[in-house]
C-alpha atoms as a PDB file:
ATOM      1  CA  MET A   1      19.416 -21.243  -4.877  1.00  0.00           C
ATOM      2  CA  THR A   2      16.251 -19.393  -5.813  1.00  0.00           C
ATOM      3  CA  THR A   3      15.770 -15.694  -5.995  1.00  0.00           C
ATOM      4  CA  ALA A   4      12.493 -13.920  -5.458  1.00  0.00           C
ATOM      5  CA  LEU A   5      11.288 -11.261  -7.828  1.00  0.00           C
ATOM      6  CA  PRO A   6      11.324  -7.841  -6.193  1.00  0.00           C
ATOM      7  CA  ALA A   7       7.945  -6.583  -5.027  1.00  0.00           C
ATOM      8  CA  GLN A   8       6.724  -3.448  -6.682  1.00  0.00           C
ATOM      9  CA  ARG A   9       4.243  -1.077  -5.064  1.00  0.00           C
ATOM     10  CA  THR A  10       1.344   0.392  -6.939  1.00  0.00           C
ATOM     11  CA  VAL A  11      -0.062   3.637  -5.556  1.00  0.00           C
ATOM     12  CA  LEU A  12      -3.851   3.459  -5.605  1.00  0.00           C
ATOM     13  CA  GLU A  13      -4.548   6.902  -4.127  1.00  0.00           C
ATOM     14  CA  ARG A  14      -2.807   9.850  -2.443  1.00  0.00           C
ATOM     15  CA  PHE A  15      -4.053  11.912   0.506  1.00  0.00           C
ATOM     16  CA  PRO A  16      -2.417  15.087   1.883  1.00  0.00           C
ATOM     17  CA  ALA A  17      -0.863  14.652   5.324  1.00  0.00           C
ATOM     18  CA  GLY A  18      -2.177  18.080   6.343  1.00  0.00           C
ATOM     19  CA  HIS A  19      -5.805  16.944   6.132  1.00  0.00           C
ATOM     20  CA  PRO A  20      -7.798  17.936   9.252  1.00  0.00           C
ATOM     21  CA  ARG A  21      -8.666  14.260   9.862  1.00  0.00           C
ATOM     22  CA  GLY A  22      -5.052  13.116   9.470  1.00  0.00           C
ATOM     23  CA  SER A  23      -4.681   9.666   7.943  1.00  0.00           C
ATOM     24  CA  TRP A  24      -8.347   8.700   8.402  1.00  0.00           C
ATOM     25  CA  PRO A  25      -9.359   9.315   4.760  1.00  0.00           C
ATOM     26  CA  ALA A  26      -6.466   7.134   3.600  1.00  0.00           C
ATOM     27  CA  ASP A  27      -7.311   4.452   6.167  1.00  0.00           C
ATOM     28  CA  GLU A  28     -10.969   4.455   5.103  1.00  0.00           C
ATOM     29  CA  TYR A  29     -10.018   4.197   1.433  1.00  0.00           C
ATOM     30  CA  ALA A  30      -7.630   1.313   2.149  1.00  0.00           C
ATOM     31  CA  ALA A  31     -10.345  -0.482   4.153  1.00  0.00           C
ATOM     32  CA  ALA A  32     -12.768  -0.100   1.244  1.00  0.00           C
ATOM     33  CA  GLN A  33     -10.165  -1.532  -1.142  1.00  0.00           C
ATOM     34  CA  ARG A  34      -9.550  -4.489   1.195  1.00  0.00           C
ATOM     35  CA  ALA A  35     -13.323  -5.102   1.350  1.00  0.00           C
ATOM     36  CA  GLN A  36     -13.225  -5.424  -2.459  1.00  0.00           C
ATOM     37  CA  GLY A  37     -10.368  -7.929  -2.306  1.00  0.00           C
ATOM     38  CA  THR A  38      -7.347  -5.682  -2.916  1.00  0.00           C
ATOM     39  CA  ASP A  39      -4.551  -6.024  -0.363  1.00  0.00           C
ATOM     40  CA  ALA A  40      -4.174  -2.283   0.296  1.00  0.00           C
ATOM     41  CA  ARG A  41      -2.317  -0.514   3.086  1.00  0.00           C
ATOM     42  CA  VAL A  42      -1.394   3.025   4.046  1.00  0.00           C
ATOM     43  CA  VAL A  43       2.175   4.301   4.047  1.00  0.00           C
ATOM     44  CA  MET A  44       3.586   7.761   4.627  1.00  0.00           C
ATOM     45  CA  ASP A  45       5.653   9.366   1.883  1.00  0.00           C
ATOM     46  CA  LEU A  46       7.822  11.896   3.695  1.00  0.00           C
ATOM     47  CA  ALA A  47       9.197  13.436   0.499  1.00  0.00           C
ATOM     48  CA  SER A  48       5.744  14.488  -0.746  1.00  0.00           C
ATOM     49  CA  ASP A  49       4.120  14.807   2.724  1.00  0.00           C
ATOM     50  CA  GLU A  50       1.278  12.506   1.679  1.00  0.00           C
ATOM     51  CA  PHE A  51      -0.355   9.328   2.877  1.00  0.00           C
ATOM     52  CA  LEU A  52      -0.294   6.773   0.088  1.00  0.00           C
ATOM     53  CA  VAL A  53      -2.630   3.823  -0.253  1.00  0.00           C
ATOM     54  CA  VAL A  54      -0.512   1.133  -1.882  1.00  0.00           C
ATOM     55  CA  THR A  55      -0.746  -2.467  -2.926  1.00  0.00           C
ATOM     56  CA  ASP A  56       2.183  -4.786  -3.556  1.00  0.00           C
ATOM     57  CA  THR A  57       2.390  -6.283  -7.021  1.00  0.00           C
ATOM     58  CA  THR A  58       4.953  -8.725  -8.331  1.00  0.00           C
ATOM     59  CA  ALA A  59       7.299  -7.339 -10.970  1.00  0.00           C
ATOM     60  CA  GLN A  60       6.994  -9.232 -14.251  1.00  0.00           C
END
């Protein structure tokens, strides 16, 4: 039996959820990161009311 190492998220940038353009700034930032080769995506952090641009990294 093999076990996988748990994935760990790295927050690249934070954007307030109350921004007039909503999640667009976060989406644009994530797209720019993907264009540079970083597998970035946007998630919502309800506790802080922010959109987070995150990438998954393997725990060492």
